[in-house]
């Protein structure tokens, strides 16, 4: 039973004092009106309307219920009207989850730009480096790398790729030597995300096509990519990090890329915007998705699958890094698996 609809039928019957007139005004059949009242009374386990061959009258319970129905339906109608009026002017809190490895690069200017367009929307940003169930965890939208997505039936919009590279400080390399092949890293101190987030086994591919597999035993693990970066800068070990996260460090010379002739096979490092379908999305969520796609994917087919392509550079977003990064995008909307 659609109780809201049944309540509307009951109010109209009470006001018109006629099943037939109520049916005419609601543009439904007499049988539907009769059935709605019967189902409502059965649900409430009380008689609401006394029926005779000549007229209808409300019972005492029906009179009380009519007052409550009118108040509730008026409140509901007011709410729907208010939502319709604010559809073009979004408000409320937008809950965004993002990979912590992206935060220094683009999230603050992205959110700042969005709020300048829609100042009534407050943004609650959660940084994570773990598997996310978008719906179960209560987020409206995610800007995440593929390995973080565990929800099913989500829409996924790839916007960039953020390839992984091994890096270390000059002082670390002076002490431990410059590696020339992945096997040279075996036994060297390293820092990393823990195994429950990312596997400690890495697949390296040489530019000439040969491949190597390496399993590391880090001296320090932490569940945040930013902390891994800081530990690497402190000289605690080498690390394998998203290129976008360390672009400024490479430019400044505080970190150096090691094994430059190798790439790391990791399809999970594509950056995507994920959300639970477009139908019935709140205006604030839909507008943020459109804004983020516009800013993060300014060019279509700009090399998202190139192994040497770094994280999308949004004009004006990363001027302080000095890192030259390529655009990357894909406007194909596809569900996650």
Protein backbone atom coordinates (compact mmCIF):
# COMPACT_ATOMS: atom_id res chain seq x y z
CA UNK A 1 0.00 0.00 0.00
CA UNK A 2 1.18 3.50 -0.85
CA UNK A 3 0.21 5.09 2.45
CA UNK A 4 0.83 8.67 1.32
CA UNK A 5 -1.46 8.16 -1.67
CA UNK A 6 -4.07 6.48 0.53
CA UNK A 7 -3.94 9.42 2.94
CA UNK A 8 -4.54 11.84 0.05
CA UNK A 9 -7.52 9.76 -1.05
CA UNK A 10 -8.88 9.75 2.50
CA UNK A 11 -8.58 13.53 2.80
CA UNK A 12 -10.34 14.04 -0.54
CA UNK A 13 -13.16 11.65 0.39
CA UNK A 14 -13.58 13.45 3.72
CA UNK A 15 -13.71 16.85 2.05
CA UNK A 16 -16.11 15.86 -0.73
CA UNK A 17 -18.12 13.45 1.46
CA UNK A 18 -18.33 11.20 -1.56
CA UNK A 19 -16.28 8.34 -2.98
CA UNK A 20 -17.47 9.20 -6.48
CA UNK A 21 -16.59 12.90 -6.32
CA UNK A 22 -13.21 12.09 -4.77
CA UNK A 23 -12.49 9.69 -7.62
CA UNK A 24 -13.44 12.34 -10.19
CA UNK A 25 -11.21 15.00 -8.61
CA UNK A 26 -8.29 12.59 -8.28
CA UNK A 27 -8.87 11.24 -11.80
CA UNK A 28 -8.98 7.64 -10.62
CA UNK A 29 -11.63 4.94 -10.60
CA UNK A 30 -14.27 4.57 -7.89
CA UNK A 31 -12.90 1.10 -7.21
CA UNK A 32 -9.41 2.49 -6.51
CA UNK A 33 -10.81 5.01 -4.03
CA UNK A 34 -12.83 2.32 -2.27
CA UNK A 35 -9.84 -0.02 -2.17
CA UNK A 36 -7.50 2.71 -0.84
CA UNK A 37 -9.83 3.51 2.06
CA UNK A 38 -10.31 -0.17 2.86
CA UNK A 39 -6.55 -0.81 2.85
CA UNK A 40 -5.93 2.26 5.03
CA UNK A 41 -8.51 1.12 7.57
CA UNK A 42 -7.06 -2.39 7.56
CA UNK A 43 -3.57 -0.97 8.08
CA UNK A 44 -4.76 1.19 11.00
CA UNK A 45 -7.07 -1.53 12.30
CA UNK A 46 -9.83 0.99 12.86
CA UNK A 47 -12.83 2.32 10.96
CA UNK A 48 -12.33 5.86 9.65
CA UNK A 49 -15.58 6.40 7.72
CA UNK A 50 -19.14 5.35 8.49
CA UNK A 51 -20.96 4.50 5.27
CA UNK A 52 -24.70 4.47 4.66
CA UNK A 53 -26.67 4.35 1.45
CA UNK A 54 -27.19 8.13 1.63
CA UNK A 55 -24.05 9.66 3.09
CA UNK A 56 -20.62 9.30 4.63
CA UNK A 57 -19.45 10.50 8.01
CA UNK A 58 -16.14 10.35 9.82
CA UNK A 59 -15.78 8.31 12.94
CA UNK A 60 -14.10 9.87 15.97
CA UNK A 61 -10.86 8.15 14.95
CA UNK A 62 -11.38 9.36 11.38
CA UNK A 63 -11.71 12.97 12.53
CA UNK A 64 -8.44 12.78 14.45
CA UNK A 65 -6.72 11.03 11.56
CA UNK A 66 -7.96 13.68 9.10
CA UNK A 67 -6.32 16.44 11.15
CA UNK A 68 -3.05 14.56 11.23
CA UNK A 69 -3.17 13.75 7.52
CA UNK A 70 -3.76 17.36 6.57
CA UNK A 71 -0.82 18.55 8.66
CA UNK A 72 1.50 15.84 7.38
CA UNK A 73 0.54 16.26 3.72
CA UNK A 74 0.88 20.04 3.96
CA UNK A 75 4.37 19.62 5.41
CA UNK A 76 5.25 17.14 2.67
CA UNK A 77 3.97 19.45 -0.06
CA UNK A 78 5.92 22.37 1.41
CA UNK A 79 9.07 20.25 1.49
CA UNK A 80 8.67 19.18 -2.13
CA UNK A 81 8.07 22.78 -3.18
CA UNK A 82 11.15 23.95 -1.30
CA UNK A 83 13.28 21.25 -2.91
CA UNK A 84 11.98 22.16 -6.35
CA UNK A 85 12.81 25.83 -5.77
CA UNK A 86 16.35 25.06 -4.58
CA UNK A 87 17.13 22.64 -7.42
CA UNK A 88 18.94 25.44 -9.27
CA UNK A 89 20.67 26.69 -6.13
CA UNK A 90 22.20 23.68 -4.38
CA UNK A 91 22.79 23.69 -0.66
CA UNK A 92 23.63 21.30 2.13
CA UNK A 93 26.70 19.19 2.83
CA UNK A 94 28.51 17.32 0.06
CA UNK A 95 30.46 14.32 1.34
CA UNK A 96 33.53 13.63 -0.78
CA UNK A 97 36.10 10.88 -0.31
CA UNK A 98 39.44 11.09 -2.10
CA UNK A 99 42.75 9.35 -2.27
CA UNK A 100 45.22 11.05 0.05
CA UNK A 101 47.84 10.89 -2.70
CA UNK A 102 45.84 13.49 -4.65
CA UNK A 103 45.28 16.07 -1.93
CA UNK A 104 48.39 18.17 -2.47
CA UNK A 105 47.84 18.34 -6.18
CA UNK A 106 44.30 19.33 -6.93
CA UNK A 107 41.66 18.80 -4.27
CA UNK A 108 41.86 22.14 -2.45
CA UNK A 109 41.69 24.30 -5.60
CA UNK A 110 39.01 22.02 -7.03
CA UNK A 111 36.79 22.35 -3.96
CA UNK A 112 37.53 26.05 -3.59
CA UNK A 113 36.52 26.67 -7.20
CA UNK A 114 33.32 24.66 -6.79
CA UNK A 115 32.30 26.57 -3.66
CA UNK A 116 32.87 29.89 -5.40
CA UNK A 117 30.22 28.79 -7.88
CA UNK A 118 27.93 27.25 -5.24
CA UNK A 119 28.62 28.97 -1.90
CA UNK A 120 25.65 27.37 -0.11
CA UNK A 121 27.22 23.92 -0.41
CA UNK A 122 29.49 22.86 2.44
CA UNK A 123 32.05 20.19 1.57
CA UNK A 124 33.13 17.46 3.97
CA UNK A 125 36.28 15.88 2.54
CA UNK A 126 37.62 12.57 3.81
CA UNK A 127 41.09 11.47 2.73
CA UNK A 128 41.65 7.74 2.58
CA UNK A 129 44.04 5.15 1.23
CA UNK A 130 41.90 2.04 1.62
CA UNK A 131 39.06 0.17 -0.01
CA UNK A 132 35.91 2.32 -0.03
CA UNK A 133 32.28 1.27 -0.23
CA UNK A 134 30.85 4.58 -1.36
CA UNK A 135 27.23 3.89 -0.42
CA UNK A 136 27.89 1.91 2.76
CA UNK A 137 30.38 4.52 4.01
CA UNK A 138 27.94 7.36 3.37
CA UNK A 139 29.79 9.33 0.69
CA UNK A 140 28.14 11.22 -2.17
CA UNK A 141 31.07 11.08 -4.59
CA UNK A 142 34.64 9.82 -4.68
CA UNK A 143 37.80 10.94 -6.46
CA UNK A 144 39.81 7.79 -6.05
CA UNK A 145 42.29 5.41 -7.58
CA UNK A 146 40.85 2.18 -8.90
CA UNK A 147 42.17 -0.08 -6.14
CA UNK A 148 40.10 1.87 -3.58
CA UNK A 149 36.75 1.08 -5.18
CA UNK A 150 34.92 -1.88 -3.66
CA UNK A 151 31.31 -0.79 -4.19
CA UNK A 152 29.28 -2.48 -6.88
CA UNK A 153 26.86 -0.82 -9.32
CA UNK A 154 28.71 2.50 -9.25
CA UNK A 155 29.32 4.78 -12.20
CA UNK A 156 33.04 5.28 -12.79
CA UNK A 157 34.42 8.18 -14.85
CA UNK A 158 38.20 7.89 -15.40
CA UNK A 159 39.84 11.32 -15.49
CA UNK A 160 43.57 10.72 -15.17
CA UNK A 161 46.33 8.26 -14.56
CA UNK A 162 48.79 8.55 -11.70
CA UNK A 163 51.64 6.13 -12.46
CA UNK A 164 53.78 4.71 -9.69
CA UNK A 165 57.53 5.31 -9.62
CA UNK A 166 60.29 4.31 -7.17
CA UNK A 167 61.97 7.29 -5.49
CA UNK A 168 64.59 7.99 -2.85
CA UNK A 169 66.58 10.92 -1.47
CA UNK A 170 70.04 11.72 -2.84
CA UNK A 171 71.50 10.94 0.59
CA UNK A 172 69.82 7.52 0.64
CA UNK A 173 71.23 6.70 -2.80
CA UNK A 174 74.69 7.87 -1.75
CA UNK A 175 74.56 5.48 1.21
CA UNK A 176 72.93 2.45 -0.43
CA UNK A 177 74.01 2.91 -4.03
CA UNK A 178 72.05 3.64 -7.20
CA UNK A 179 70.09 0.56 -8.35
CA UNK A 180 70.24 -0.46 -11.99
CA UNK A 181 67.66 -3.26 -11.90
CA UNK A 182 64.73 -4.13 -9.62
CA UNK A 183 66.71 -6.94 -8.01
CA UNK A 184 69.12 -4.30 -6.68
CA UNK A 185 66.31 -3.04 -4.43
CA UNK A 186 65.99 -6.39 -2.68
CA UNK A 187 67.04 -6.01 0.94
CA UNK A 188 67.22 -2.21 0.79
CA UNK A 189 65.21 -0.28 3.41
CA UNK A 190 61.83 0.76 2.05
CA UNK A 191 58.67 2.47 3.30
CA UNK A 192 55.21 1.61 2.01
CA UNK A 193 51.50 1.29 2.56
CA UNK A 194 50.61 -1.87 4.53
CA UNK A 195 49.74 -5.13 2.78
CA UNK A 196 46.03 -4.86 3.54
CA UNK A 197 45.96 -1.72 1.40
CA UNK A 198 48.53 -2.50 -1.31
CA UNK A 199 50.40 -5.67 -2.11
CA UNK A 200 54.13 -5.67 -1.38
CA UNK A 201 54.76 -7.44 -4.70
CA UNK A 202 55.57 -5.15 -7.63
CA UNK A 203 55.83 -5.86 -11.35
CA UNK A 204 58.50 -3.90 -13.21
CA UNK A 205 58.68 -3.69 -17.01
CA UNK A 206 61.81 -2.55 -18.83
CA UNK A 207 61.41 -0.25 -21.80
CA UNK A 208 62.80 -3.07 -23.99
CA UNK A 209 60.04 -5.41 -22.84
CA UNK A 210 61.57 -7.60 -20.15
CA UNK A 211 59.76 -7.86 -16.83
CA UNK A 212 60.75 -8.44 -13.20
CA UNK A 213 58.76 -9.17 -10.06
CA UNK A 214 59.91 -7.91 -6.69
CA UNK A 215 58.45 -8.49 -3.23
CA UNK A 216 59.53 -5.96 -0.62
CA UNK A 217 59.69 -6.15 3.16
CA UNK A 218 59.33 -2.51 4.28
CA UNK A 219 61.04 -1.27 7.42
CA UNK A 220 58.10 1.09 7.98
CA UNK A 221 54.48 0.92 6.85
CA UNK A 222 51.80 3.55 7.32
CA UNK A 223 48.25 3.73 5.99
CA UNK A 224 48.63 7.11 4.32
CA UNK A 225 50.52 7.95 1.12
CA UNK A 226 51.41 11.42 2.40
CA UNK A 227 53.13 9.86 5.40
CA UNK A 228 54.99 7.46 3.12
CA UNK A 229 56.24 10.46 1.17
CA UNK A 230 57.39 12.24 4.35
CA UNK A 231 59.20 9.12 5.55
CA UNK A 232 60.93 8.87 2.18
CA UNK A 233 61.99 12.51 2.38
CA UNK A 234 63.37 11.80 5.85
CA UNK A 235 65.61 9.11 4.36
CA UNK A 236 63.96 6.15 6.09
CA UNK A 237 63.93 4.21 2.85
CA UNK A 238 63.01 4.26 -0.81
CA UNK A 239 59.33 4.08 -1.73
CA UNK A 240 57.05 3.50 -4.68
CA UNK A 241 54.65 6.41 -4.90
CA UNK A 242 52.28 8.07 -7.38
CA UNK A 243 54.31 10.30 -9.67
CA UNK A 244 51.92 13.17 -9.15
CA UNK A 245 52.45 13.08 -5.40
CA UNK A 246 56.24 13.52 -5.67
CA UNK A 247 56.38 15.75 -8.77
CA UNK A 248 57.42 18.84 -6.80
CA UNK A 249 60.03 16.84 -4.87
CA UNK A 250 61.54 15.55 -8.11
CA UNK A 251 61.60 19.07 -9.54
CA UNK A 252 63.27 20.43 -6.40
CA UNK A 253 65.80 17.60 -6.29
CA UNK A 254 64.83 16.47 -2.79
CA UNK A 255 63.83 13.11 -4.28
CA UNK A 256 65.23 11.27 -7.28
CA UNK A 257 63.53 8.76 -9.49
CA UNK A 258 65.28 5.42 -9.48
CA UNK A 259 65.17 2.80 -12.22
CA UNK A 260 64.04 5.35 -14.85
CA UNK A 261 64.21 2.69 -17.59
CA UNK A 262 61.42 0.76 -15.88
CA UNK A 263 57.70 1.31 -15.48
CA UNK A 264 55.51 -0.37 -12.88
CA UNK A 265 52.55 -2.34 -14.19
CA UNK A 266 49.64 -1.20 -12.07
CA UNK A 267 46.28 -0.58 -13.76
CA UNK A 268 44.79 0.34 -10.39
CA UNK A 269 46.40 3.78 -10.42
CA UNK A 270 43.89 5.33 -12.79
CA UNK A 271 42.06 8.17 -11.08
CA UNK A 272 38.28 8.14 -11.42
CA UNK A 273 35.24 10.01 -10.20
CA UNK A 274 32.78 7.46 -8.83
CA UNK A 275 29.17 7.92 -7.75
CA UNK A 276 25.98 5.84 -7.39
CA UNK A 277 24.32 6.62 -10.75
CA UNK A 278 22.97 9.91 -12.08
CA UNK A 279 19.25 9.27 -11.64
CA UNK A 280 17.85 11.17 -8.65
CA UNK A 281 21.24 12.54 -7.65
CA UNK A 282 20.95 15.65 -5.46
CA UNK A 283 21.72 18.84 -7.35
CA UNK A 284 24.85 19.49 -5.29
CA UNK A 285 26.26 16.07 -6.18
CA UNK A 286 25.41 16.26 -9.86
CA UNK A 287 26.88 19.76 -10.19
CA UNK A 288 30.08 18.77 -8.36
CA UNK A 289 30.55 15.78 -10.67
CA UNK A 290 30.10 17.97 -13.75
CA UNK A 291 32.45 20.62 -12.34
CA UNK A 292 35.12 18.07 -11.41
CA UNK A 293 34.95 16.40 -14.82
CA UNK A 294 35.33 19.78 -16.50
CA UNK A 295 38.37 20.69 -14.40
CA UNK A 296 40.05 17.31 -14.17
CA UNK A 297 39.46 16.12 -17.72
CA UNK A 298 39.86 19.18 -19.96
CA UNK A 299 40.93 17.15 -22.99
CA UNK A 300 39.49 13.93 -24.35
CA UNK A 301 41.84 11.15 -25.47
CA UNK A 302 44.92 12.87 -24.08
CA UNK A 303 46.98 9.82 -23.23
CA UNK A 304 45.40 8.35 -20.12
CA UNK A 305 46.93 4.96 -20.94
CA UNK A 306 50.47 6.16 -21.65
CA UNK A 307 52.86 4.67 -19.08
CA UNK A 308 54.80 7.92 -18.94
CA UNK A 309 51.74 10.13 -18.48
CA UNK A 310 51.60 11.77 -15.07
CA UNK A 311 48.51 12.92 -13.21
CA UNK A 312 46.30 15.39 -15.03
CA UNK A 313 47.48 18.94 -14.63
CA UNK A 314 44.61 21.38 -14.37
CA UNK A 315 45.60 24.88 -15.54
CA UNK A 316 46.39 27.01 -12.52
CA UNK A 317 45.97 24.13 -10.08
CA UNK A 318 49.59 23.08 -9.66
CA UNK A 319 51.65 26.09 -10.58
CA UNK A 320 53.49 25.83 -7.29
CA UNK A 321 54.77 22.34 -8.08
CA UNK A 322 56.57 23.31 -11.24
CA UNK A 323 55.89 19.83 -12.54
CA UNK A 324 55.07 19.42 -16.21
CA UNK A 325 52.20 17.00 -16.36
CA UNK A 326 49.98 15.91 -19.19
CA UNK A 327 46.21 16.10 -19.44
CA UNK A 328 44.31 12.87 -19.33
CA UNK A 329 40.62 12.12 -19.58
CA UNK A 330 37.86 9.77 -20.55
CA UNK A 331 34.23 10.81 -20.79
CA UNK A 332 32.98 7.26 -21.10
CA UNK A 333 30.60 6.52 -18.27
CA UNK A 334 30.85 2.91 -17.16
CA UNK A 335 29.82 0.87 -14.15
CA UNK A 336 32.42 -0.58 -11.82
CA UNK A 337 32.79 -4.32 -11.48
